[in-house]
């Protein structure tokens, strides 16, 4: 096991206003996301379970049609295949943890490291 400095990880733009740094383990993906205030996350779903933890700022997540506003130190659990979308109320730093591993994010990171 090695110590990882999050700031040293190559950032990847997920969508406009959402930049992430990924750590992948055998079973999980950790996504450290910086979000610009006012930027939206389009509605989507995925087979991964997701836990979102707000490290800085305030975010509104719409989970299965119900808005949930959460801030620093608060966590929302997103079950597998549940539709969700979001809006950054302020600039945010969010830690998203996914299980199983997000292979699509692993590929994004590999492509970013090739540049």
PDB file of N, CA and C in Angstrom:
ATOM      1  N   UNK A   1       0.848  -1.182   0.000  1.00  0.00           N
ATOM      2  CA  UNK A   1       0.000   0.000   0.000  1.00  0.00           C
ATOM      3  C   UNK A   1       0.882   1.229   0.000  1.00  0.00           C
ATOM      4  N   UNK A   2       0.548   2.170  -0.858  1.00  0.00           N
ATOM      5  CA  UNK A   2       1.332   3.401  -0.906  1.00  0.00           C
ATOM      6  C   UNK A   2       0.460   4.595  -0.562  1.00  0.00           C
ATOM      7  N   UNK A   3       1.101   5.626  -0.085  1.00  0.00           N
ATOM      8  CA  UNK A   3       0.416   6.865   0.236  1.00  0.00           C
ATOM      9  C   UNK A   3       0.243   7.658  -1.059  1.00  0.00           C
ATOM     10  N   UNK A   4      -0.936   8.241  -1.247  1.00  0.00           N
ATOM     11  CA  UNK A   4      -1.235   8.990  -2.475  1.00  0.00           C
ATOM     12  C   UNK A   4      -1.600  10.415  -2.109  1.00  0.00           C
ATOM     13  N   UNK A   5      -0.971  11.355  -2.765  1.00  0.00           N
ATOM     14  CA  UNK A   5      -1.306  12.765  -2.616  1.00  0.00           C
ATOM     15  C   UNK A   5      -2.349  13.084  -3.687  1.00  0.00           C
ATOM     16  N   UNK A   6      -3.591  13.376  -3.280  1.00  0.00           N
ATOM     17  CA  UNK A   6      -4.679  13.588  -4.237  1.00  0.00           C
ATOM     18  C   UNK A   6      -4.320  14.675  -5.251  1.00  0.00           C
ATOM     19  N   UNK A   7      -3.679  15.732  -4.798  1.00  0.00           N
ATOM     20  CA  UNK A   7      -3.333  16.841  -5.709  1.00  0.00           C
ATOM     21  C   UNK A   7      -2.371  16.417  -6.812  1.00  0.00           C
ATOM     22  N   UNK A   8      -1.659  15.307  -6.620  1.00  0.00           N
ATOM     23  CA  UNK A   8      -0.697  14.857  -7.629  1.00  0.00           C
ATOM     24  C   UNK A   8      -1.344  14.004  -8.728  1.00  0.00           C
ATOM     25  N   UNK A   9      -2.607  13.639  -8.553  1.00  0.00           N
ATOM     26  CA  UNK A   9      -3.308  12.810  -9.538  1.00  0.00           C
ATOM     27  C   UNK A   9      -3.729  13.676 -10.722  1.00  0.00           C
ATOM     28  N   UNK A  10      -3.561  13.159 -11.922  1.00  0.00           N
ATOM     29  CA  UNK A  10      -3.964  13.888 -13.131  1.00  0.00           C
ATOM     30  C   UNK A  10      -5.469  14.140 -13.103  1.00  0.00           C
ATOM     31  N   UNK A  11      -5.885  15.415 -13.194  1.00  0.00           N
ATOM     32  CA  UNK A  11      -7.322  15.699 -13.215  1.00  0.00           C
ATOM     33  C   UNK A  11      -7.926  15.388 -14.589  1.00  0.00           C
ATOM     34  N   UNK A  12      -9.188  14.968 -14.574  1.00  0.00           N
ATOM     35  CA  UNK A  12      -9.914  14.623 -15.793  1.00  0.00           C
ATOM     36  C   UNK A  12     -11.236  15.381 -15.788  1.00  0.00           C
ATOM     37  N   UNK A  13     -11.564  16.038 -16.899  1.00  0.00           N
ATOM     38  CA  UNK A  13     -12.857  16.715 -16.986  1.00  0.00           C
ATOM     39  C   UNK A  13     -13.936  15.687 -17.308  1.00  0.00           C
ATOM     40  N   UNK A  14     -14.884  15.523 -16.377  1.00  0.00           N
ATOM     41  CA  UNK A  14     -15.994  14.598 -16.586  1.00  0.00           C
ATOM     42  C   UNK A  14     -17.004  15.206 -17.551  1.00  0.00           C
ATOM     43  N   UNK A  15     -17.448  16.405 -17.212  1.00  0.00           N
ATOM     44  CA  UNK A  15     -18.308  17.239 -18.046  1.00  0.00           C
ATOM     45  C   UNK A  15     -17.951  18.681 -17.704  1.00  0.00           C
ATOM     46  N   UNK A  16     -18.492  19.625 -18.427  1.00  0.00           N
ATOM     47  CA  UNK A  16     -18.180  21.036 -18.178  1.00  0.00           C
ATOM     48  C   UNK A  16     -18.451  21.401 -16.716  1.00  0.00           C
ATOM     49  N   UNK A  17     -17.410  21.887 -16.038  1.00  0.00           N
ATOM     50  CA  UNK A  17     -17.534  22.320 -14.658  1.00  0.00           C
ATOM     51  C   UNK A  17     -17.291  21.252 -13.621  1.00  0.00           C
ATOM     52  N   UNK A  18     -17.053  19.999 -14.044  1.00  0.00           N
ATOM     53  CA  UNK A  18     -16.829  18.871 -13.143  1.00  0.00           C
ATOM     54  C   UNK A  18     -15.495  18.220 -13.494  1.00  0.00           C
ATOM     55  N   UNK A  19     -14.494  18.424 -12.624  1.00  0.00           N
ATOM     56  CA  UNK A  19     -13.168  17.867 -12.836  1.00  0.00           C
ATOM     57  C   UNK A  19     -12.868  16.879 -11.712  1.00  0.00           C
ATOM     58  N   UNK A  20     -12.375  15.692 -12.073  1.00  0.00           N
ATOM     59  CA  UNK A  20     -12.178  14.643 -11.064  1.00  0.00           C
ATOM     60  C   UNK A  20     -10.762  14.090 -11.087  1.00  0.00           C
ATOM     61  N   UNK A  21     -10.359  13.584  -9.937  1.00  0.00           N
ATOM     62  CA  UNK A  21      -9.105  12.848  -9.764  1.00  0.00           C
ATOM     63  C   UNK A  21      -9.501  11.491  -9.199  1.00  0.00           C
ATOM     64  N   UNK A  22      -9.038  10.414  -9.834  1.00  0.00           N
ATOM     65  CA  UNK A  22      -9.492   9.067  -9.503  1.00  0.00           C
ATOM     66  C   UNK A  22      -8.438   8.229  -8.795  1.00  0.00           C
ATOM     67  N   UNK A  23      -8.912   7.435  -7.848  1.00  0.00           N
ATOM     68  CA  UNK A  23      -8.128   6.364  -7.255  1.00  0.00           C
ATOM     69  C   UNK A  23      -8.977   5.101  -7.401  1.00  0.00           C
ATOM     70  N   UNK A  24      -8.368   4.060  -7.972  1.00  0.00           N
ATOM     71  CA  UNK A  24      -9.068   2.798  -8.168  1.00  0.00           C
ATOM     72  C   UNK A  24      -8.422   1.726  -7.293  1.00  0.00           C
ATOM     73  N   UNK A  25      -9.263   0.981  -6.593  1.00  0.00           N
ATOM     74  CA  UNK A  25      -8.797  -0.198  -5.868  1.00  0.00           C
ATOM     75  C   UNK A  25      -9.355  -1.421  -6.602  1.00  0.00           C
ATOM     76  N   UNK A  26      -9.184  -2.582  -6.038  1.00  0.00           N
ATOM     77  CA  UNK A  26      -9.702  -3.787  -6.678  1.00  0.00           C
ATOM     78  C   UNK A  26     -11.232  -3.777  -6.742  1.00  0.00           C
ATOM     79  N   UNK A  27     -11.883  -3.133  -5.790  1.00  0.00           N
ATOM     80  CA  UNK A  27     -13.343  -3.194  -5.702  1.00  0.00           C
ATOM     81  C   UNK A  27     -14.054  -1.848  -5.771  1.00  0.00           C
ATOM     82  N   UNK A  28     -13.308  -0.739  -5.679  1.00  0.00           N
ATOM     83  CA  UNK A  28     -13.941   0.585  -5.580  1.00  0.00           C
ATOM     84  C   UNK A  28     -13.225   1.615  -6.443  1.00  0.00           C
ATOM     85  N   UNK A  29     -13.964   2.678  -6.753  1.00  0.00           N
ATOM     86  CA  UNK A  29     -13.381   3.870  -7.355  1.00  0.00           C
ATOM     87  C   UNK A  29     -13.679   5.045  -6.441  1.00  0.00           C
ATOM     88  N   UNK A  30     -12.636   5.814  -6.136  1.00  0.00           N
ATOM     89  CA  UNK A  30     -12.762   7.051  -5.378  1.00  0.00           C
ATOM     90  C   UNK A  30     -12.584   8.193  -6.375  1.00  0.00           C
ATOM     91  N   UNK A  31     -13.552   9.084  -6.428  1.00  0.00           N
ATOM     92  CA  UNK A  31     -13.527  10.196  -7.370  1.00  0.00           C
ATOM     93  C   UNK A  31     -13.586  11.495  -6.571  1.00  0.00           C
ATOM     94  N   UNK A  32     -12.486  12.237  -6.572  1.00  0.00           N
ATOM     95  CA  UNK A  32     -12.410  13.527  -5.889  1.00  0.00           C
ATOM     96  C   UNK A  32     -12.774  14.591  -6.923  1.00  0.00           C
ATOM     97  N   UNK A  33     -13.964  15.176  -6.784  1.00  0.00           N
ATOM     98  CA  UNK A  33     -14.522  16.040  -7.824  1.00  0.00           C
ATOM     99  C   UNK A  33     -14.541  17.493  -7.372  1.00  0.00           C
ATOM    100  N   UNK A  34     -14.022  18.376  -8.225  1.00  0.00           N
ATOM    101  CA  UNK A  34     -14.150  19.823  -8.043  1.00  0.00           C
ATOM    102  C   UNK A  34     -15.248  20.286  -8.981  1.00  0.00           C
ATOM    103  N   UNK A  35     -16.226  21.030  -8.435  1.00  0.00           N
ATOM    104  CA  UNK A  35     -17.373  21.471  -9.215  1.00  0.00           C
ATOM    105  C   UNK A  35     -17.499  22.988  -9.118  1.00  0.00           C
ATOM    106  N   UNK A  36     -17.769  23.605 -10.242  1.00  0.00           N
ATOM    107  CA  UNK A  36     -17.962  25.058 -10.305  1.00  0.00           C
ATOM    108  C   UNK A  36     -19.416  25.386  -9.989  1.00  0.00           C
ATOM    109  N   UNK A  37     -19.628  26.401  -9.155  1.00  0.00           N
ATOM    110  CA  UNK A  37     -20.978  26.836  -8.770  1.00  0.00           C
ATOM    111  C   UNK A  37     -21.850  27.055 -10.000  1.00  0.00           C
ATOM    112  N   UNK A  38     -23.089  26.580  -9.908  1.00  0.00           N
ATOM    113  CA  UNK A  38     -24.056  26.771 -10.974  1.00  0.00           C
ATOM    114  C   UNK A  38     -24.040  25.698 -12.049  1.00  0.00           C
ATOM    115  N   UNK A  39     -23.058  24.831 -12.026  1.00  0.00           N
ATOM    116  CA  UNK A  39     -22.959  23.782 -13.050  1.00  0.00           C
ATOM    117  C   UNK A  39     -23.883  22.609 -12.692  1.00  0.00           C
ATOM    118  N   UNK A  40     -24.546  22.096 -13.721  1.00  0.00           N
ATOM    119  CA  UNK A  40     -25.484  21.003 -13.518  1.00  0.00           C
ATOM    120  C   UNK A  40     -24.872  19.666 -13.912  1.00  0.00           C
ATOM    121  N   UNK A  41     -25.400  18.638 -13.298  1.00  0.00           N
ATOM    122  CA  UNK A  41     -25.058  17.259 -13.615  1.00  0.00           C
ATOM    123  C   UNK A  41     -26.311  16.658 -14.244  1.00  0.00           C
ATOM    124  N   UNK A  42     -26.265  16.309 -15.533  1.00  0.00           N
ATOM    125  CA  UNK A  42     -27.456  15.779 -16.198  1.00  0.00           C
ATOM    126  C   UNK A  42     -27.943  14.476 -15.547  1.00  0.00           C
ATOM    127  N   UNK A  43     -29.238  14.226 -15.673  1.00  0.00           N
ATOM    128  CA  UNK A  43     -29.801  13.003 -15.115  1.00  0.00           C
ATOM    129  C   UNK A  43     -29.176  11.775 -15.774  1.00  0.00           C
ATOM    130  N   UNK A  44     -28.842  10.807 -14.950  1.00  0.00           N
ATOM    131  CA  UNK A  44     -28.226   9.571 -15.420  1.00  0.00           C
ATOM    132  C   UNK A  44     -28.389   8.502 -14.351  1.00  0.00           C
ATOM    133  N   UNK A  45     -28.021   7.291 -14.691  1.00  0.00           N
ATOM    134  CA  UNK A  45     -27.955   6.209 -13.716  1.00  0.00           C
ATOM    135  C   UNK A  45     -26.815   5.292 -14.135  1.00  0.00           C
ATOM    136  N   UNK A  46     -26.400   4.430 -13.224  1.00  0.00           N
ATOM    137  CA  UNK A  46     -25.330   3.478 -13.498  1.00  0.00           C
ATOM    138  C   UNK A  46     -25.499   2.289 -12.562  1.00  0.00           C
ATOM    139  N   UNK A  47     -24.900   1.175 -12.913  1.00  0.00           N
ATOM    140  CA  UNK A  47     -25.065  -0.019 -12.074  1.00  0.00           C
ATOM    141  C   UNK A  47     -24.291   0.032 -10.753  1.00  0.00           C
ATOM    142  N   UNK A  48     -23.448   1.024 -10.597  1.00  0.00           N
ATOM    143  CA  UNK A  48     -22.615   1.136  -9.394  1.00  0.00           C
ATOM    144  C   UNK A  48     -23.402   1.742  -8.236  1.00  0.00           C
ATOM    145  N   UNK A  49     -23.154   1.242  -7.031  1.00  0.00           N
ATOM    146  CA  UNK A  49     -23.608   1.951  -5.843  1.00  0.00           C
ATOM    147  C   UNK A  49     -22.673   3.146  -5.683  1.00  0.00           C
ATOM    148  N   UNK A  50     -23.208   4.259  -5.188  1.00  0.00           N
ATOM    149  CA  UNK A  50     -22.413   5.474  -5.047  1.00  0.00           C
ATOM    150  C   UNK A  50     -22.696   6.115  -3.701  1.00  0.00           C
ATOM    151  N   UNK A  51     -21.629   6.571  -3.055  1.00  0.00           N
ATOM    152  CA  UNK A  51     -21.746   7.363  -1.839  1.00  0.00           C
ATOM    153  C   UNK A  51     -21.097   8.710  -2.132  1.00  0.00           C
ATOM    154  N   UNK A  52     -21.858   9.786  -1.966  1.00  0.00           N
ATOM    155  CA  UNK A  52     -21.343  11.146  -2.215  1.00  0.00           C
ATOM    156  C   UNK A  52     -21.190  11.878  -0.894  1.00  0.00           C
ATOM    157  N   UNK A  53     -19.986  12.402  -0.664  1.00  0.00           N
ATOM    158  CA  UNK A  53     -19.654  13.106   0.575  1.00  0.00           C
ATOM    159  C   UNK A  53     -19.185  14.508   0.200  1.00  0.00           C
ATOM    160  N   UNK A  54     -19.843  15.524   0.718  1.00  0.00           N
ATOM    161  CA  UNK A  54     -19.456  16.908   0.439  1.00  0.00           C
ATOM    162  C   UNK A  54     -18.303  17.293   1.368  1.00  0.00           C
ATOM    163  N   UNK A  55     -17.163  17.620   0.763  1.00  0.00           N
ATOM    164  CA  UNK A  55     -15.994  18.059   1.518  1.00  0.00           C
ATOM    165  C   UNK A  55     -15.977  19.571   1.683  1.00  0.00           C
ATOM    166  N   UNK A  56     -16.454  20.277   0.655  1.00  0.00           N
ATOM    167  CA  UNK A  56     -16.565  21.744   0.688  1.00  0.00           C
ATOM    168  C   UNK A  56     -17.757  22.139  -0.171  1.00  0.00           C
ATOM    169  N   UNK A  57     -18.496  23.161   0.271  1.00  0.00           N
ATOM    170  CA  UNK A  57     -19.571  23.715  -0.525  1.00  0.00           C
ATOM    171  C   UNK A  57     -20.929  23.105  -0.237  1.00  0.00           C
ATOM    172  N   UNK A  58     -21.862  23.389  -1.169  1.00  0.00           N
ATOM    173  CA  UNK A  58     -23.232  22.909  -1.040  1.00  0.00           C
ATOM    174  C   UNK A  58     -23.715  22.438  -2.402  1.00  0.00           C
ATOM    175  N   UNK A  59     -24.396  21.306  -2.433  1.00  0.00           N
ATOM    176  CA  UNK A  59     -24.816  20.663  -3.667  1.00  0.00           C
ATOM    177  C   UNK A  59     -26.262  20.210  -3.525  1.00  0.00           C
ATOM    178  N   UNK A  60     -27.014  20.293  -4.620  1.00  0.00           N
ATOM    179  CA  UNK A  60     -28.368  19.752  -4.625  1.00  0.00           C
ATOM    180  C   UNK A  60     -28.406  18.560  -5.561  1.00  0.00           C
ATOM    181  N   UNK A  61     -28.712  17.412  -5.007  1.00  0.00           N
ATOM    182  CA  UNK A  61     -28.815  16.180  -5.763  1.00  0.00           C
ATOM    183  C   UNK A  61     -30.296  15.838  -5.885  1.00  0.00           C
ATOM    184  N   UNK A  62     -30.733  15.548  -7.096  1.00  0.00           N
ATOM    185  CA  UNK A  62     -32.098  15.064  -7.280  1.00  0.00           C
ATOM    186  C   UNK A  62     -31.989  13.559  -7.463  1.00  0.00           C
ATOM    187  N   UNK A  63     -32.534  12.838  -6.510  1.00  0.00           N
ATOM    188  CA  UNK A  63     -32.413  11.389  -6.449  1.00  0.00           C
ATOM    189  C   UNK A  63     -33.799  10.783  -6.625  1.00  0.00           C
ATOM    190  N   UNK A  64     -33.978  10.081  -7.739  1.00  0.00           N
ATOM    191  CA  UNK A  64     -35.265   9.465  -8.037  1.00  0.00           C
ATOM    192  C   UNK A  64     -36.388  10.496  -7.985  1.00  0.00           C
ATOM    193  N   UNK A  65     -36.101  11.706  -8.528  1.00  0.00           N
ATOM    194  CA  UNK A  65     -37.098  12.772  -8.616  1.00  0.00           C
ATOM    195  C   UNK A  65     -37.242  13.637  -7.382  1.00  0.00           C
ATOM    196  N   UNK A  66     -36.510  13.343  -6.315  1.00  0.00           N
ATOM    197  CA  UNK A  66     -36.633  14.102  -5.063  1.00  0.00           C
ATOM    198  C   UNK A  66     -35.356  14.887  -4.795  1.00  0.00           C
ATOM    199  N   UNK A  67     -35.455  16.232  -4.682  1.00  0.00           N
ATOM    200  CA  UNK A  67     -34.251  17.035  -4.421  1.00  0.00           C
ATOM    201  C   UNK A  67     -33.758  16.882  -2.980  1.00  0.00           C
ATOM    202  N   UNK A  68     -32.436  16.784  -2.846  1.00  0.00           N
ATOM    203  CA  UNK A  68     -31.780  16.694  -1.534  1.00  0.00           C
ATOM    204  C   UNK A  68     -30.636  17.702  -1.556  1.00  0.00           C
ATOM    205  N   UNK A  69     -30.700  18.704  -0.711  1.00  0.00           N
ATOM    206  CA  UNK A  69     -29.600  19.666  -0.610  1.00  0.00           C
ATOM    207  C   UNK A  69     -28.709  19.228   0.542  1.00  0.00           C
ATOM    208  N   UNK A  70     -27.405  19.120   0.260  1.00  0.00           N
ATOM    209  CA  UNK A  70     -26.494  18.705   1.321  1.00  0.00           C
ATOM    210  C   UNK A  70     -25.187  19.472   1.249  1.00  0.00           C
ATOM    211  N   UNK A  71     -24.529  19.549   2.404  1.00  0.00           N
ATOM    212  CA  UNK A  71     -23.324  20.358   2.522  1.00  0.00           C
ATOM    213  C   UNK A  71     -22.217  19.626   3.247  1.00  0.00           C
ATOM    214  N   UNK A  72     -21.253  20.402   3.715  1.00  0.00           N
ATOM    215  CA  UNK A  72     -20.029  19.869   4.309  1.00  0.00           C
ATOM    216  C   UNK A  72     -20.336  18.831   5.395  1.00  0.00           C
ATOM    217  N   UNK A  73     -19.682  17.677   5.245  1.00  0.00           N
ATOM    218  CA  UNK A  73     -19.814  16.614   6.226  1.00  0.00           C
ATOM    219  C   UNK A  73     -21.035  15.740   6.042  1.00  0.00           C
ATOM    220  N   UNK A  74     -21.860  16.054   5.060  1.00  0.00           N
ATOM    221  CA  UNK A  74     -23.063  15.248   4.834  1.00  0.00           C
ATOM    222  C   UNK A  74     -22.849  14.286   3.671  1.00  0.00           C
ATOM    223  N   UNK A  75     -23.552  13.161   3.731  1.00  0.00           N
ATOM    224  CA  UNK A  75     -23.394  12.074   2.778  1.00  0.00           C
ATOM    225  C   UNK A  75     -24.756  11.687   2.225  1.00  0.00           C
ATOM    226  N   UNK A  76     -24.797  11.377   0.932  1.00  0.00           N
ATOM    227  CA  UNK A  76     -25.991  10.806   0.312  1.00  0.00           C
ATOM    228  C   UNK A  76     -25.580   9.487  -0.341  1.00  0.00           C
ATOM    229  N   UNK A  77     -26.384   8.457  -0.125  1.00  0.00           N
ATOM    230  CA  UNK A  77     -26.154   7.154  -0.729  1.00  0.00           C
ATOM    231  C   UNK A  77     -27.069   7.016  -1.936  1.00  0.00           C
ATOM    232  N   UNK A  78     -26.483   6.689  -3.084  1.00  0.00           N
ATOM    233  CA  UNK A  78     -27.234   6.521  -4.329  1.00  0.00           C
ATOM    234  C   UNK A  78     -27.210   5.036  -4.683  1.00  0.00           C
ATOM    235  N   UNK A  79     -28.363   4.380  -4.595  1.00  0.00           N
ATOM    236  CA  UNK A  79     -28.402   2.955  -4.920  1.00  0.00           C
ATOM    237  C   UNK A  79     -28.129   2.691  -6.408  1.00  0.00           C
ATOM    238  N   UNK A  80     -27.768   1.490  -6.704  1.00  0.00           N
ATOM    239  CA  UNK A  80     -27.522   1.042  -8.066  1.00  0.00           C
ATOM    240  C   UNK A  80     -28.742   1.308  -8.953  1.00  0.00           C
ATOM    241  N   UNK A  81     -28.491   1.830 -10.159  1.00  0.00           N
ATOM    242  CA  UNK A  81     -29.492   2.037 -11.212  1.00  0.00           C
ATOM    243  C   UNK A  81     -30.573   3.073 -10.901  1.00  0.00           C
ATOM    244  N   UNK A  82     -30.419   3.896  -9.864  1.00  0.00           N
ATOM    245  CA  UNK A  82     -31.389   4.940  -9.548  1.00  0.00           C
ATOM    246  C   UNK A  82     -30.997   6.218 -10.299  1.00  0.00           C
ATOM    247  N   UNK A  83     -31.958   6.810 -11.011  1.00  0.00           N
ATOM    248  CA  UNK A  83     -31.685   8.044 -11.743  1.00  0.00           C
ATOM    249  C   UNK A  83     -31.391   9.174 -10.775  1.00  0.00           C
ATOM    250  N   UNK A  84     -30.372   9.977 -11.148  1.00  0.00           N
ATOM    251  CA  UNK A  84     -30.013  11.127 -10.325  1.00  0.00           C
ATOM    252  C   UNK A  84     -29.404  12.218 -11.194  1.00  0.00           C
ATOM    253  N   UNK A  85     -29.505  13.448 -10.704  1.00  0.00           N
ATOM    254  CA  UNK A  85     -28.934  14.618 -11.364  1.00  0.00           C
ATOM    255  C   UNK A  85     -28.514  15.582 -10.259  1.00  0.00           C
ATOM    256  N   UNK A  86     -27.876  16.692 -10.636  1.00  0.00           N
ATOM    257  CA  UNK A  86     -27.421  17.589  -9.584  1.00  0.00           C
ATOM    258  C   UNK A  86     -27.169  19.003 -10.046  1.00  0.00           C
ATOM    259  N   UNK A  87     -26.973  19.861  -9.054  1.00  0.00           N
ATOM    260  CA  UNK A  87     -26.655  21.264  -9.273  1.00  0.00           C
ATOM    261  C   UNK A  87     -25.732  21.721  -8.153  1.00  0.00           C
ATOM    262  N   UNK A  88     -24.597  22.322  -8.526  1.00  0.00           N
ATOM    263  CA  UNK A  88     -23.686  22.891  -7.533  1.00  0.00           C
ATOM    264  C   UNK A  88     -24.234  24.249  -7.100  1.00  0.00           C
ATOM    265  N   UNK A  89     -24.660  24.357  -5.859  1.00  0.00           N
ATOM    266  CA  UNK A  89     -25.162  25.619  -5.317  1.00  0.00           C
ATOM    267  C   UNK A  89     -23.996  26.592  -5.146  1.00  0.00           C
ATOM    268  N   UNK A  90     -22.853  26.069  -4.703  1.00  0.00           N
ATOM    269  CA  UNK A  90     -21.615  26.840  -4.563  1.00  0.00           C
ATOM    270  C   UNK A  90     -20.504  26.029  -5.242  1.00  0.00           C
ATOM    271  N   UNK A  91     -19.310  26.588  -5.305  1.00  0.00           N
ATOM    272  CA  UNK A  91     -18.172  25.750  -5.692  1.00  0.00           C
ATOM    273  C   UNK A  91     -18.111  24.608  -4.685  1.00  0.00           C
ATOM    274  N   UNK A  92     -17.822  23.414  -5.159  1.00  0.00           N
ATOM    275  CA  UNK A  92     -17.836  22.231  -4.293  1.00  0.00           C
ATOM    276  C   UNK A  92     -16.604  21.370  -4.488  1.00  0.00           C
ATOM    277  N   UNK A  93     -16.282  20.653  -3.439  1.00  0.00           N
ATOM    278  CA  UNK A  93     -15.351  19.527  -3.493  1.00  0.00           C
ATOM    279  C   UNK A  93     -16.142  18.342  -2.957  1.00  0.00           C
ATOM    280  N   UNK A  94     -16.254  17.311  -3.798  1.00  0.00           N
ATOM    281  CA  UNK A  94     -17.074  16.150  -3.465  1.00  0.00           C
ATOM    282  C   UNK A  94     -16.223  14.893  -3.596  1.00  0.00           C
ATOM    283  N   UNK A  95     -16.373  13.995  -2.644  1.00  0.00           N
ATOM    284  CA  UNK A  95     -15.775  12.674  -2.755  1.00  0.00           C
ATOM    285  C   UNK A  95     -16.892  11.700  -3.085  1.00  0.00           C
ATOM    286  N   UNK A  96     -16.826  11.109  -4.278  1.00  0.00           N
ATOM    287  CA  UNK A  96     -17.764  10.068  -4.685  1.00  0.00           C
ATOM    288  C   UNK A  96     -17.035   8.735  -4.629  1.00  0.00           C
ATOM    289  N   UNK A  97     -17.654   7.759  -3.976  1.00  0.00           N
ATOM    290  CA  UNK A  97     -17.093   6.412  -3.908  1.00  0.00           C
ATOM    291  C   UNK A  97     -18.071   5.475  -4.605  1.00  0.00           C
ATOM    292  N   UNK A  98     -17.549   4.674  -5.526  1.00  0.00           N
ATOM    293  CA  UNK A  98     -18.369   3.762  -6.325  1.00  0.00           C
ATOM    294  C   UNK A  98     -17.912   2.330  -6.096  1.00  0.00           C
ATOM    295  N   UNK A  99     -18.876   1.418  -6.088  1.00  0.00           N
ATOM    296  CA  UNK A  99     -18.568  -0.001  -6.123  1.00  0.00           C
ATOM    297  C   UNK A  99     -19.593  -0.682  -7.022  1.00  0.00           C
ATOM    298  N   UNK A 100     -19.169  -1.552  -7.917  1.00  0.00           N
ATOM    299  CA  UNK A 100     -17.790  -1.936  -8.193  1.00  0.00           C
ATOM    300  C   UNK A 100     -17.027  -0.803  -8.880  1.00  0.00           C
ATOM    301  N   UNK A 101     -15.795  -1.091  -9.258  1.00  0.00           N
ATOM    302  CA  UNK A 101     -14.913  -0.118  -9.900  1.00  0.00           C
ATOM    303  C   UNK A 101     -15.592   0.475 -11.142  1.00  0.00           C
ATOM    304  N   UNK A 102     -15.405   1.789 -11.327  1.00  0.00           N
ATOM    305  CA  UNK A 102     -15.876   2.462 -12.545  1.00  0.00           C
ATOM    306  C   UNK A 102     -14.813   2.285 -13.621  1.00  0.00           C
ATOM    307  N   UNK A 103     -14.982   1.266 -14.443  1.00  0.00           N
ATOM    308  CA  UNK A 103     -14.017   1.006 -15.512  1.00  0.00           C
ATOM    309  C   UNK A 103     -13.975   2.156 -16.508  1.00  0.00           C
ATOM    310  N   UNK A 104     -15.110   2.837 -16.736  1.00  0.00           N
ATOM    311  CA  UNK A 104     -15.132   3.981 -17.643  1.00  0.00           C
ATOM    312  C   UNK A 104     -14.245   5.107 -17.113  1.00  0.00           C
ATOM    313  N   UNK A 105     -14.199   5.298 -15.801  1.00  0.00           N
ATOM    314  CA  UNK A 105     -13.331   6.311 -15.214  1.00  0.00           C
ATOM    315  C   UNK A 105     -11.866   5.879 -15.296  1.00  0.00           C
ATOM    316  N   UNK A 106     -11.613   4.591 -15.142  1.00  0.00           N
ATOM    317  CA  UNK A 106     -10.240   4.089 -15.267  1.00  0.00           C
ATOM    318  C   UNK A 106      -9.705   4.397 -16.669  1.00  0.00           C
ATOM    319  N   UNK A 107     -10.524   4.192 -17.691  1.00  0.00           N
ATOM    320  CA  UNK A 107     -10.133   4.479 -19.068  1.00  0.00           C
ATOM    321  C   UNK A 107      -9.913   5.980 -19.264  1.00  0.00           C
ATOM    322  N   UNK A 108     -10.780   6.802 -18.687  1.00  0.00           N
ATOM    323  CA  UNK A 108     -10.606   8.261 -18.788  1.00  0.00           C
ATOM    324  C   UNK A 108      -9.253   8.681 -18.220  1.00  0.00           C
ATOM    325  N   UNK A 109      -8.895   8.109 -17.078  1.00  0.00           N
ATOM    326  CA  UNK A 109      -7.621   8.447 -16.444  1.00  0.00           C
ATOM    327  C   UNK A 109      -6.454   7.974 -17.299  1.00  0.00           C
ATOM    328  N   UNK A 110      -6.545   6.775 -17.806  1.00  0.00           N
ATOM    329  CA  UNK A 110      -5.470   6.260 -18.679  1.00  0.00           C
ATOM    330  C   UNK A 110      -5.276   7.153 -19.905  1.00  0.00           C
ATOM    331  N   UNK A 111      -6.384   7.588 -20.507  1.00  0.00           N
ATOM    332  CA  UNK A 111      -6.307   8.471 -21.676  1.00  0.00           C
ATOM    333  C   UNK A 111      -5.696   9.819 -21.308  1.00  0.00           C
ATOM    334  N   UNK A 112      -6.051  10.353 -20.146  1.00  0.00           N
ATOM    335  CA  UNK A 112      -5.499  11.634 -19.698  1.00  0.00           C
ATOM    336  C   UNK A 112      -4.009  11.515 -19.434  1.00  0.00           C
ATOM    337  N   UNK A 113      -3.570  10.384 -18.908  1.00  0.00           N
ATOM    338  CA  UNK A 113      -2.143  10.189 -18.620  1.00  0.00           C
ATOM    339  C   UNK A 113      -1.322  10.016 -19.881  1.00  0.00           C
ATOM    340  N   UNK A 114      -1.938   9.640 -20.986  1.00  0.00           N
ATOM    341  CA  UNK A 114      -1.225   9.477 -22.256  1.00  0.00           C
ATOM    342  C   UNK A 114      -0.911  10.816 -22.930  1.00  0.00           C
ATOM    343  N   UNK A 115      -1.636  11.854 -22.549  1.00  0.00           N
ATOM    344  CA  UNK A 115      -1.463  13.177 -23.197  1.00  0.00           C
ATOM    345  C   UNK A 115      -0.191  13.841 -22.782  1.00  0.00           C
TER     346      UNK A 115
END
